[in-house]
Amino acid sequence: MAHDSDNSGTVIPPTEAAILTSGNMTELELILPDLGDEDLPEIAIFLVACAMRFHSDPDFVQDQLEWLVRAHDTEVDEGLKPDQLNSANDD
């Protein structure tokens, strides 16, 4: 699927799914592949759920975006990453 006739758009392969912004980034557009009788993969179902939640409850989405900003600003210490763990860290 090609968007934007001036060739600056993005081509979504026919087997991929995407959420796109449109209307000067004021609207979301959900692109899903035609899989025939096959079920959508879990990640594509997640994209559908995100798009549905955005359209049905935009305040929730705004709350989540604000939460992400606050979490980023506070730089919460999440502890050691798995590759940083070793037996010397055991109590």
PDB file of N, CA and C in Angstrom:
ATOM      1  N   MET A   1       0.835  -1.167   0.000  1.00  0.00           N
ATOM      2  CA  MET A   1       0.000   0.000   0.000  1.00  0.00           C
ATOM      3  C   MET A   1       0.879   1.228   0.000  1.00  0.00           C
ATOM      4  N   ALA A   2       0.729   2.034  -0.955  1.00  0.00           N
ATOM      5  CA  ALA A   2       1.520   3.261  -1.016  1.00  0.00           C
ATOM      6  C   ALA A   2       0.644   4.427  -0.601  1.00  0.00           C
ATOM      7  N   HIS A   3       1.209   5.334   0.136  1.00  0.00           N
ATOM      8  CA  HIS A   3       0.521   6.549   0.533  1.00  0.00           C
ATOM      9  C   HIS A   3       1.347   7.725   0.051  1.00  0.00           C
ATOM     10  N   ASP A   4       0.688   8.833  -0.210  1.00  0.00           N
ATOM     11  CA  ASP A   4       1.377  10.056  -0.617  1.00  0.00           C
ATOM     12  C   ASP A   4       1.856   9.962  -2.062  1.00  0.00           C
ATOM     13  N   SER A   5       1.201  10.654  -2.943  1.00  0.00           N
ATOM     14  CA  SER A   5       1.529  10.566  -4.361  1.00  0.00           C
ATOM     15  C   SER A   5       2.827  11.273  -4.738  1.00  0.00           C
ATOM     16  N   ASP A   6       3.434  12.031  -3.813  1.00  0.00           N
ATOM     17  CA  ASP A   6       4.662  12.740  -4.153  1.00  0.00           C
ATOM     18  C   ASP A   6       5.913  11.886  -3.894  1.00  0.00           C
ATOM     19  N   ASN A   7       5.737  10.586  -3.717  1.00  0.00           N
ATOM     20  CA  ASN A   7       6.814   9.615  -3.523  1.00  0.00           C
ATOM     21  C   ASN A   7       7.570   9.777  -2.207  1.00  0.00           C
ATOM     22  N   SER A   8       7.089  10.603  -1.276  1.00  0.00           N
ATOM     23  CA  SER A   8       7.741  10.688   0.029  1.00  0.00           C
ATOM     24  C   SER A   8       7.031   9.816   1.052  1.00  0.00           C
ATOM     25  N   GLY A   9       6.019   9.074   0.633  1.00  0.00           N
ATOM     26  CA  GLY A   9       5.256   8.212   1.533  1.00  0.00           C
ATOM     27  C   GLY A   9       5.973   6.915   1.815  1.00  0.00           C
ATOM     28  N   THR A  10       5.339   6.080   2.612  1.00  0.00           N
ATOM     29  CA  THR A  10       5.891   4.795   3.000  1.00  0.00           C
ATOM     30  C   THR A  10       5.068   3.681   2.385  1.00  0.00           C
ATOM     31  N   VAL A  11       5.732   2.645   1.943  1.00  0.00           N
ATOM     32  CA  VAL A  11       5.042   1.487   1.396  1.00  0.00           C
ATOM     33  C   VAL A  11       4.940   0.435   2.486  1.00  0.00           C
ATOM     34  N   ILE A  12       3.724   0.002   2.781  1.00  0.00           N
ATOM     35  CA  ILE A  12       3.499  -1.071   3.746  1.00  0.00           C
ATOM     36  C   ILE A  12       3.389  -2.372   2.955  1.00  0.00           C
ATOM     37  N   PRO A  13       4.281  -3.337   3.179  1.00  0.00           N
ATOM     38  CA  PRO A  13       4.183  -4.607   2.455  1.00  0.00           C
ATOM     39  C   PRO A  13       2.830  -5.274   2.708  1.00  0.00           C
ATOM     40  N   PRO A  14       2.311  -6.007   1.755  1.00  0.00           N
ATOM     41  CA  PRO A  14       0.962  -6.583   1.873  1.00  0.00           C
ATOM     42  C   PRO A  14       0.814  -7.592   3.004  1.00  0.00           C
ATOM     43  N   THR A  15       1.899  -8.066   3.585  1.00  0.00           N
ATOM     44  CA  THR A  15       1.809  -9.029   4.680  1.00  0.00           C
ATOM     45  C   THR A  15       2.068  -8.395   6.045  1.00  0.00           C
ATOM     46  N   GLU A  16       2.102  -7.060   6.105  1.00  0.00           N
ATOM     47  CA  GLU A  16       2.407  -6.366   7.358  1.00  0.00           C
ATOM     48  C   GLU A  16       1.201  -5.581   7.869  1.00  0.00           C
ATOM     49  N   ALA A  17       1.238  -5.236   9.169  1.00  0.00           N
ATOM     50  CA  ALA A  17       0.208  -4.424   9.798  1.00  0.00           C
ATOM     51  C   ALA A  17       0.870  -3.162  10.345  1.00  0.00           C
ATOM     52  N   ALA A  18       0.091  -2.077  10.424  1.00  0.00           N
ATOM     53  CA  ALA A  18       0.663  -0.827  10.931  1.00  0.00           C
ATOM     54  C   ALA A  18      -0.435   0.090  11.437  1.00  0.00           C
ATOM     55  N   ILE A  19      -0.056   0.952  12.370  1.00  0.00           N
ATOM     56  CA  ILE A  19      -0.896   2.076  12.762  1.00  0.00           C
ATOM     57  C   ILE A  19      -0.212   3.320  12.214  1.00  0.00           C
ATOM     58  N   LEU A  20      -0.938   4.076  11.406  1.00  0.00           N
ATOM     59  CA  LEU A  20      -0.399   5.288  10.779  1.00  0.00           C
ATOM     60  C   LEU A  20      -1.148   6.507  11.297  1.00  0.00           C
ATOM     61  N   THR A  21      -0.464   7.624  11.311  1.00  0.00           N
ATOM     62  CA  THR A  21      -1.163   8.872  11.590  1.00  0.00           C
ATOM     63  C   THR A  21      -1.595   9.465  10.256  1.00  0.00           C
ATOM     64  N   SER A  22      -2.701  10.189  10.293  1.00  0.00           N
ATOM     65  CA  SER A  22      -3.180  10.887   9.107  1.00  0.00           C
ATOM     66  C   SER A  22      -3.822  12.194   9.567  1.00  0.00           C
ATOM     67  N   GLY A  23      -4.254  13.001   8.614  1.00  0.00           N
ATOM     68  CA  GLY A  23      -4.888  14.268   8.965  1.00  0.00           C
ATOM     69  C   GLY A  23      -3.966  15.164   9.759  1.00  0.00           C
ATOM     70  N   ASN A  24      -2.718  15.314   9.262  1.00  0.00           N
ATOM     71  CA  ASN A  24      -1.716  16.121   9.961  1.00  0.00           C
ATOM     72  C   ASN A  24      -1.485  15.598  11.381  1.00  0.00           C
ATOM     73  N   MET A  25      -1.414  14.282  11.501  1.00  0.00           N
ATOM     74  CA  MET A  25      -1.168  13.554  12.750  1.00  0.00           C
ATOM     75  C   MET A  25      -2.262  13.763  13.795  1.00  0.00           C
ATOM     76  N   THR A  26      -3.493  13.980  13.356  1.00  0.00           N
ATOM     77  CA  THR A  26      -4.603  14.132  14.291  1.00  0.00           C
ATOM     78  C   THR A  26      -5.503  12.903  14.315  1.00  0.00           C
ATOM     79  N   GLU A  27      -5.297  11.954  13.410  1.00  0.00           N
ATOM     80  CA  GLU A  27      -6.112  10.749  13.337  1.00  0.00           C
ATOM     81  C   GLU A  27      -5.204   9.534  13.178  1.00  0.00           C
ATOM     82  N   LEU A  28      -5.717   8.384  13.565  1.00  0.00           N
ATOM     83  CA  LEU A  28      -4.995   7.132  13.369  1.00  0.00           C
ATOM     84  C   LEU A  28      -5.657   6.318  12.284  1.00  0.00           C
ATOM     85  N   GLU A  29      -4.854   5.640  11.512  1.00  0.00           N
ATOM     86  CA  GLU A  29      -5.346   4.734  10.476  1.00  0.00           C
ATOM     87  C   GLU A  29      -4.714   3.377  10.738  1.00  0.00           C
ATOM     88  N   LEU A  30      -5.524   2.341  10.769  1.00  0.00           N
ATOM     89  CA  LEU A  30      -5.054   0.993  11.018  1.00  0.00           C
ATOM     90  C   LEU A  30      -4.989   0.240   9.695  1.00  0.00           C
ATOM     91  N   ILE A  31      -3.813  -0.280   9.354  1.00  0.00           N
ATOM     92  CA  ILE A  31      -3.613  -1.050   8.126  1.00  0.00           C
ATOM     93  C   ILE A  31      -3.408  -2.510   8.527  1.00  0.00           C
ATOM     94  N   LEU A  32      -4.259  -3.380   8.033  1.00  0.00           N
ATOM     95  CA  LEU A  32      -4.137  -4.818   8.304  1.00  0.00           C
ATOM     96  C   LEU A  32      -4.037  -5.572   6.986  1.00  0.00           C
ATOM     97  N   PRO A  33      -3.256  -6.636   6.957  1.00  0.00           N
ATOM     98  CA  PRO A  33      -3.148  -7.423   5.728  1.00  0.00           C
ATOM     99  C   PRO A  33      -4.393  -8.293   5.540  1.00  0.00           C
ATOM    100  N   ASP A  34      -4.658  -8.658   4.303  1.00  0.00           N
ATOM    101  CA  ASP A  34      -5.722  -9.613   4.011  1.00  0.00           C
ATOM    102  C   ASP A  34      -5.109 -11.001   4.089  1.00  0.00           C
ATOM    103  N   LEU A  35      -5.402 -11.701   5.185  1.00  0.00           N
ATOM    104  CA  LEU A  35      -4.822 -13.027   5.390  1.00  0.00           C
ATOM    105  C   LEU A  35      -5.760 -14.155   4.987  1.00  0.00           C
ATOM    106  N   GLY A  36      -6.878 -13.807   4.367  1.00  0.00           N
ATOM    107  CA  GLY A  36      -7.832 -14.839   3.975  1.00  0.00           C
ATOM    108  C   GLY A  36      -8.437 -15.479   5.215  1.00  0.00           C
ATOM    109  N   ASP A  37      -8.330 -16.804   5.312  1.00  0.00           N
ATOM    110  CA  ASP A  37      -8.902 -17.539   6.437  1.00  0.00           C
ATOM    111  C   ASP A  37      -7.962 -17.633   7.636  1.00  0.00           C
ATOM    112  N   GLU A  38      -6.733 -17.156   7.502  1.00  0.00           N
ATOM    113  CA  GLU A  38      -5.770 -17.240   8.594  1.00  0.00           C
ATOM    114  C   GLU A  38      -6.091 -16.214   9.690  1.00  0.00           C
ATOM    115  N   ASP A  39      -5.733 -16.549  10.936  1.00  0.00           N
ATOM    116  CA  ASP A  39      -5.896 -15.624  12.054  1.00  0.00           C
ATOM    117  C   ASP A  39      -4.767 -14.600  12.033  1.00  0.00           C
ATOM    118  N   LEU A  40      -5.073 -13.407  12.547  1.00  0.00           N
ATOM    119  CA  LEU A  40      -4.025 -12.393  12.688  1.00  0.00           C
ATOM    120  C   LEU A  40      -3.044 -12.838  13.760  1.00  0.00           C
ATOM    121  N   PRO A  41      -1.754 -12.571  13.570  1.00  0.00           N
ATOM    122  CA  PRO A  41      -0.786 -12.848  14.626  1.00  0.00           C
ATOM    123  C   PRO A  41      -1.071 -11.978  15.856  1.00  0.00           C
ATOM    124  N   GLU A  42      -0.563 -12.401  16.993  1.00  0.00           N
ATOM    125  CA  GLU A  42      -0.832 -11.721  18.259  1.00  0.00           C
ATOM    126  C   GLU A  42      -0.438 -10.242  18.227  1.00  0.00           C
ATOM    127  N   ILE A  43       0.676  -9.907  17.611  1.00  0.00           N
ATOM    128  CA  ILE A  43       1.114  -8.517  17.596  1.00  0.00           C
ATOM    129  C   ILE A  43       0.157  -7.642  16.782  1.00  0.00           C
ATOM    130  N   ALA A  44      -0.405  -8.171  15.706  1.00  0.00           N
ATOM    131  CA  ALA A  44      -1.379  -7.409  14.919  1.00  0.00           C
ATOM    132  C   ALA A  44      -2.668  -7.217  15.717  1.00  0.00           C
ATOM    133  N   ILE A  45      -3.057  -8.223  16.499  1.00  0.00           N
ATOM    134  CA  ILE A  45      -4.232  -8.093  17.360  1.00  0.00           C
ATOM    135  C   ILE A  45      -3.983  -7.002  18.402  1.00  0.00           C
ATOM    136  N   PHE A  46      -2.743  -6.924  18.910  1.00  0.00           N
ATOM    137  CA  PHE A  46      -2.386  -5.871  19.851  1.00  0.00           C
ATOM    138  C   PHE A  46      -2.550  -4.493  19.204  1.00  0.00           C
ATOM    139  N   LEU A  47      -2.117  -4.346  17.950  1.00  0.00           N
ATOM    140  CA  LEU A  47      -2.279  -3.070  17.247  1.00  0.00           C
ATOM    141  C   LEU A  47      -3.757  -2.702  17.118  1.00  0.00           C
ATOM    142  N   VAL A  48      -4.587  -3.693  16.824  1.00  0.00           N
ATOM    143  CA  VAL A  48      -6.032  -3.451  16.721  1.00  0.00           C
ATOM    144  C   VAL A  48      -6.574  -2.972  18.065  1.00  0.00           C
ATOM    145  N   ALA A  49      -6.152  -3.631  19.141  1.00  0.00           N
ATOM    146  CA  ALA A  49      -6.616  -3.243  20.474  1.00  0.00           C
ATOM    147  C   ALA A  49      -6.191  -1.816  20.811  1.00  0.00           C
ATOM    148  N   CYS A  50      -4.961  -1.448  20.465  1.00  0.00           N
ATOM    149  CA  CYS A  50      -4.490  -0.081  20.708  1.00  0.00           C
ATOM    150  C   CYS A  50      -5.327   0.929  19.941  1.00  0.00           C
ATOM    151  N   ALA A  51      -5.583   0.646  18.679  1.00  0.00           N
ATOM    152  CA  ALA A  51      -6.369   1.569  17.854  1.00  0.00           C
ATOM    153  C   ALA A  51      -7.797   1.686  18.380  1.00  0.00           C
ATOM    154  N   MET A  52      -8.388   0.561  18.785  1.00  0.00           N
ATOM    155  CA  MET A  52      -9.757   0.597  19.316  1.00  0.00           C
ATOM    156  C   MET A  52      -9.812   1.393  20.612  1.00  0.00           C
ATOM    157  N   ARG A  53      -8.819   1.204  21.481  1.00  0.00           N
ATOM    158  CA  ARG A  53      -8.808   1.938  22.749  1.00  0.00           C
ATOM    159  C   ARG A  53      -8.641   3.437  22.487  1.00  0.00           C
ATOM    160  N   PHE A  54      -7.788   3.786  21.527  1.00  0.00           N
ATOM    161  CA  PHE A  54      -7.584   5.193  21.191  1.00  0.00           C
ATOM    162  C   PHE A  54      -8.892   5.840  20.744  1.00  0.00           C
ATOM    163  N   HIS A  55      -9.643   5.130  19.892  1.00  0.00           N
ATOM    164  CA  HIS A  55     -10.883   5.700  19.367  1.00  0.00           C
ATOM    165  C   HIS A  55     -12.000   5.718  20.399  1.00  0.00           C
ATOM    166  N   SER A  56     -12.009   4.745  21.307  1.00  0.00           N
ATOM    167  CA  SER A  56     -13.105   4.687  22.276  1.00  0.00           C
ATOM    168  C   SER A  56     -12.817   5.475  23.552  1.00  0.00           C
ATOM    169  N   ASP A  57     -11.530   5.707  23.865  1.00  0.00           N
ATOM    170  CA  ASP A  57     -11.183   6.364  25.123  1.00  0.00           C
ATOM    171  C   ASP A  57      -9.893   7.176  24.972  1.00  0.00           C
ATOM    172  N   PRO A  58      -9.940   8.287  24.226  1.00  0.00           N
ATOM    173  CA  PRO A  58      -8.719   9.066  24.006  1.00  0.00           C
ATOM    174  C   PRO A  58      -8.120   9.618  25.303  1.00  0.00           C
ATOM    175  N   ASP A  59      -8.934   9.822  26.338  1.00  0.00           N
ATOM    176  CA  ASP A  59      -8.395  10.306  27.613  1.00  0.00           C
ATOM    177  C   ASP A  59      -7.460   9.274  28.241  1.00  0.00           C
ATOM    178  N   PHE A  60      -7.786   7.986  28.114  1.00  0.00           N
ATOM    179  CA  PHE A  60      -6.921   6.924  28.626  1.00  0.00           C
ATOM    180  C   PHE A  60      -5.560   6.986  27.945  1.00  0.00           C
ATOM    181  N   VAL A  61      -5.581   7.153  26.630  1.00  0.00           N
ATOM    182  CA  VAL A  61      -4.328   7.218  25.882  1.00  0.00           C
ATOM    183  C   VAL A  61      -3.505   8.424  26.342  1.00  0.00           C
ATOM    184  N   GLN A  62      -4.153   9.566  26.525  1.00  0.00           N
ATOM    185  CA  GLN A  62      -3.447  10.754  27.004  1.00  0.00           C
ATOM    186  C   GLN A  62      -2.862  10.512  28.392  1.00  0.00           C
ATOM    187  N   ASP A  63      -3.622   9.848  29.271  1.00  0.00           N
ATOM    188  CA  ASP A  63      -3.114   9.514  30.610  1.00  0.00           C
ATOM    189  C   ASP A  63      -1.874   8.635  30.519  1.00  0.00           C
ATOM    190  N   GLN A  64      -1.884   7.668  29.615  1.00  0.00           N
ATOM    191  CA  GLN A  64      -0.739   6.774  29.465  1.00  0.00           C
ATOM    192  C   GLN A  64       0.486   7.521  28.945  1.00  0.00           C
ATOM    193  N   LEU A  65       0.278   8.435  28.013  1.00  0.00           N
ATOM    194  CA  LEU A  65       1.394   9.224  27.499  1.00  0.00           C
ATOM    195  C   LEU A  65       1.996  10.099  28.600  1.00  0.00           C
ATOM    196  N   GLU A  66       1.140  10.690  29.413  1.00  0.00           N
ATOM    197  CA  GLU A  66       1.630  11.507  30.526  1.00  0.00           C
ATOM    198  C   GLU A  66       2.380  10.646  31.538  1.00  0.00           C
ATOM    199  N   TRP A  67       1.884   9.427  31.787  1.00  0.00           N
ATOM    200  CA  TRP A  67       2.571   8.506  32.691  1.00  0.00           C
ATOM    201  C   TRP A  67       3.963   8.161  32.155  1.00  0.00           C
ATOM    202  N   LEU A  68       4.067   7.932  30.850  1.00  0.00           N
ATOM    203  CA  LEU A  68       5.375   7.629  30.262  1.00  0.00           C
ATOM    204  C   LEU A  68       6.353   8.787  30.456  1.00  0.00           C
ATOM    205  N   VAL A  69       5.881  10.000  30.266  1.00  0.00           N
ATOM    206  CA  VAL A  69       6.742  11.166  30.455  1.00  0.00           C
ATOM    207  C   VAL A  69       7.200  11.247  31.909  1.00  0.00           C
ATOM    208  N   ARG A  70       6.259  11.058  32.855  1.00  0.00           N
ATOM    209  CA  ARG A  70       6.631  11.111  34.276  1.00  0.00           C
ATOM    210  C   ARG A  70       7.629  10.004  34.613  1.00  0.00           C
ATOM    211  N   ALA A  71       7.401   8.804  34.110  1.00  0.00           N
ATOM    212  CA  ALA A  71       8.305   7.687  34.388  1.00  0.00           C
ATOM    213  C   ALA A  71       9.686   7.969  33.823  1.00  0.00           C
ATOM    214  N   HIS A  72       9.742   8.539  32.643  1.00  0.00           N
ATOM    215  CA  HIS A  72      11.031   8.875  32.029  1.00  0.00           C
ATOM    216  C   HIS A  72      11.743   9.952  32.837  1.00  0.00           C
ATOM    217  N   ASP A  73      10.989  10.956  33.278  1.00  0.00           N
ATOM    218  CA  ASP A  73      11.575  12.064  34.027  1.00  0.00           C
ATOM    219  C   ASP A  73      12.107  11.630  35.386  1.00  0.00           C
ATOM    220  N   THR A  74      11.467  10.649  36.020  1.00  0.00           N
ATOM    221  CA  THR A  74      11.916  10.214  37.347  1.00  0.00           C
ATOM    222  C   THR A  74      13.027   9.188  37.262  1.00  0.00           C
ATOM    223  N   GLU A  75      13.273   8.621  36.098  1.00  0.00           N
ATOM    224  CA  GLU A  75      14.331   7.642  35.886  1.00  0.00           C
ATOM    225  C   GLU A  75      14.372   6.610  37.005  1.00  0.00           C
ATOM    226  N   VAL A  76      13.305   5.849  37.109  1.00  0.00           N
ATOM    227  CA  VAL A  76      13.182   4.829  38.151  1.00  0.00           C
ATOM    228  C   VAL A  76      14.269   3.771  37.981  1.00  0.00           C
ATOM    229  N   ASP A  77      14.935   3.426  39.094  1.00  0.00           N
ATOM    230  CA  ASP A  77      15.946   2.372  39.079  1.00  0.00           C
ATOM    231  C   ASP A  77      15.238   1.025  39.055  1.00  0.00           C
ATOM    232  N   GLU A  78      15.395   0.312  37.966  1.00  0.00           N
ATOM    233  CA  GLU A  78      14.735  -0.981  37.816  1.00  0.00           C
ATOM    234  C   GLU A  78      15.625  -2.134  38.252  1.00  0.00           C
ATOM    235  N   GLY A  79      16.727  -1.840  38.890  1.00  0.00           N
ATOM    236  CA  GLY A  79      17.606  -2.896  39.373  1.00  0.00           C
ATOM    237  C   GLY A  79      18.541  -3.376  38.287  1.00  0.00           C
ATOM    238  N   LEU A  80      19.133  -4.532  38.547  1.00  0.00           N
ATOM    239  CA  LEU A  80      20.091  -5.099  37.599  1.00  0.00           C
ATOM    240  C   LEU A  80      19.382  -5.748  36.423  1.00  0.00           C
ATOM    241  N   LYS A  81      20.000  -5.648  35.271  1.00  0.00           N
ATOM    242  CA  LYS A  81      19.513  -6.338  34.084  1.00  0.00           C
ATOM    243  C   LYS A  81      19.999  -7.789  34.145  1.00  0.00           C
ATOM    244  N   PRO A  82      19.312  -8.713  33.483  1.00  0.00           N
ATOM    245  CA  PRO A  82      19.708 -10.123  33.557  1.00  0.00           C
ATOM    246  C   PRO A  82      21.175 -10.371  33.228  1.00  0.00           C
ATOM    247  N   ASP A  83      21.755  -9.638  32.275  1.00  0.00           N
ATOM    248  CA  ASP A  83      23.159  -9.870  31.922  1.00  0.00           C
ATOM    249  C   ASP A  83      24.132  -9.313  32.965  1.00  0.00           C
ATOM    250  N   GLN A  84      23.599  -8.549  33.940  1.00  0.00           N
ATOM    251  CA  GLN A  84      24.438  -8.024  35.008  1.00  0.00           C
ATOM    252  C   GLN A  84      24.444  -8.921  36.246  1.00  0.00           C
ATOM    253  N   LEU A  85      23.575  -9.915  36.247  1.00  0.00           N
ATOM    254  CA  LEU A  85      23.471 -10.806  37.406  1.00  0.00           C
ATOM    255  C   LEU A  85      24.542 -11.877  37.369  1.00  0.00           C
ATOM    256  N   ASN A  86      25.067 -12.214  38.516  1.00  0.00           N
ATOM    257  CA  ASN A  86      25.973 -13.342  38.638  1.00  0.00           C
ATOM    258  C   ASN A  86      25.903 -13.842  40.067  1.00  0.00           C
ATOM    259  N   SER A  87      26.586 -14.904  40.376  1.00  0.00           N
ATOM    260  CA  SER A  87      26.491 -15.509  41.706  1.00  0.00           C
ATOM    261  C   SER A  87      27.016 -14.594  42.796  1.00  0.00           C
ATOM    262  N   ALA A  88      27.864 -13.621  42.455  1.00  0.00           N
ATOM    263  CA  ALA A  88      28.383 -12.692  43.462  1.00  0.00           C
ATOM    264  C   ALA A  88      27.292 -11.771  43.996  1.00  0.00           C
ATOM    265  N   ASN A  89      26.160 -11.656  43.260  1.00  0.00           N
ATOM    266  CA  ASN A  89      25.054 -10.820  43.698  1.00  0.00           C
ATOM    267  C   ASN A  89      24.105 -11.544  44.630  1.00  0.00           C
ATOM    268  N   ASP A  90      24.286 -12.845  44.808  1.00  0.00           N
ATOM    269  CA  ASP A  90      23.396 -13.632  45.652  1.00  0.00           C
ATOM    270  C   ASP A  90      23.644 -13.328  47.120  1.00  0.00           C
ATOM    271  N   ASP A  91      22.580 -13.259  47.897  1.00  0.00           N
ATOM    272  CA  ASP A  91      22.735 -13.047  49.342  1.00  0.00           C
ATOM    273  C   ASP A  91      22.801 -14.376  50.070  1.00  0.00           C
TER     274      ASP A  91
END
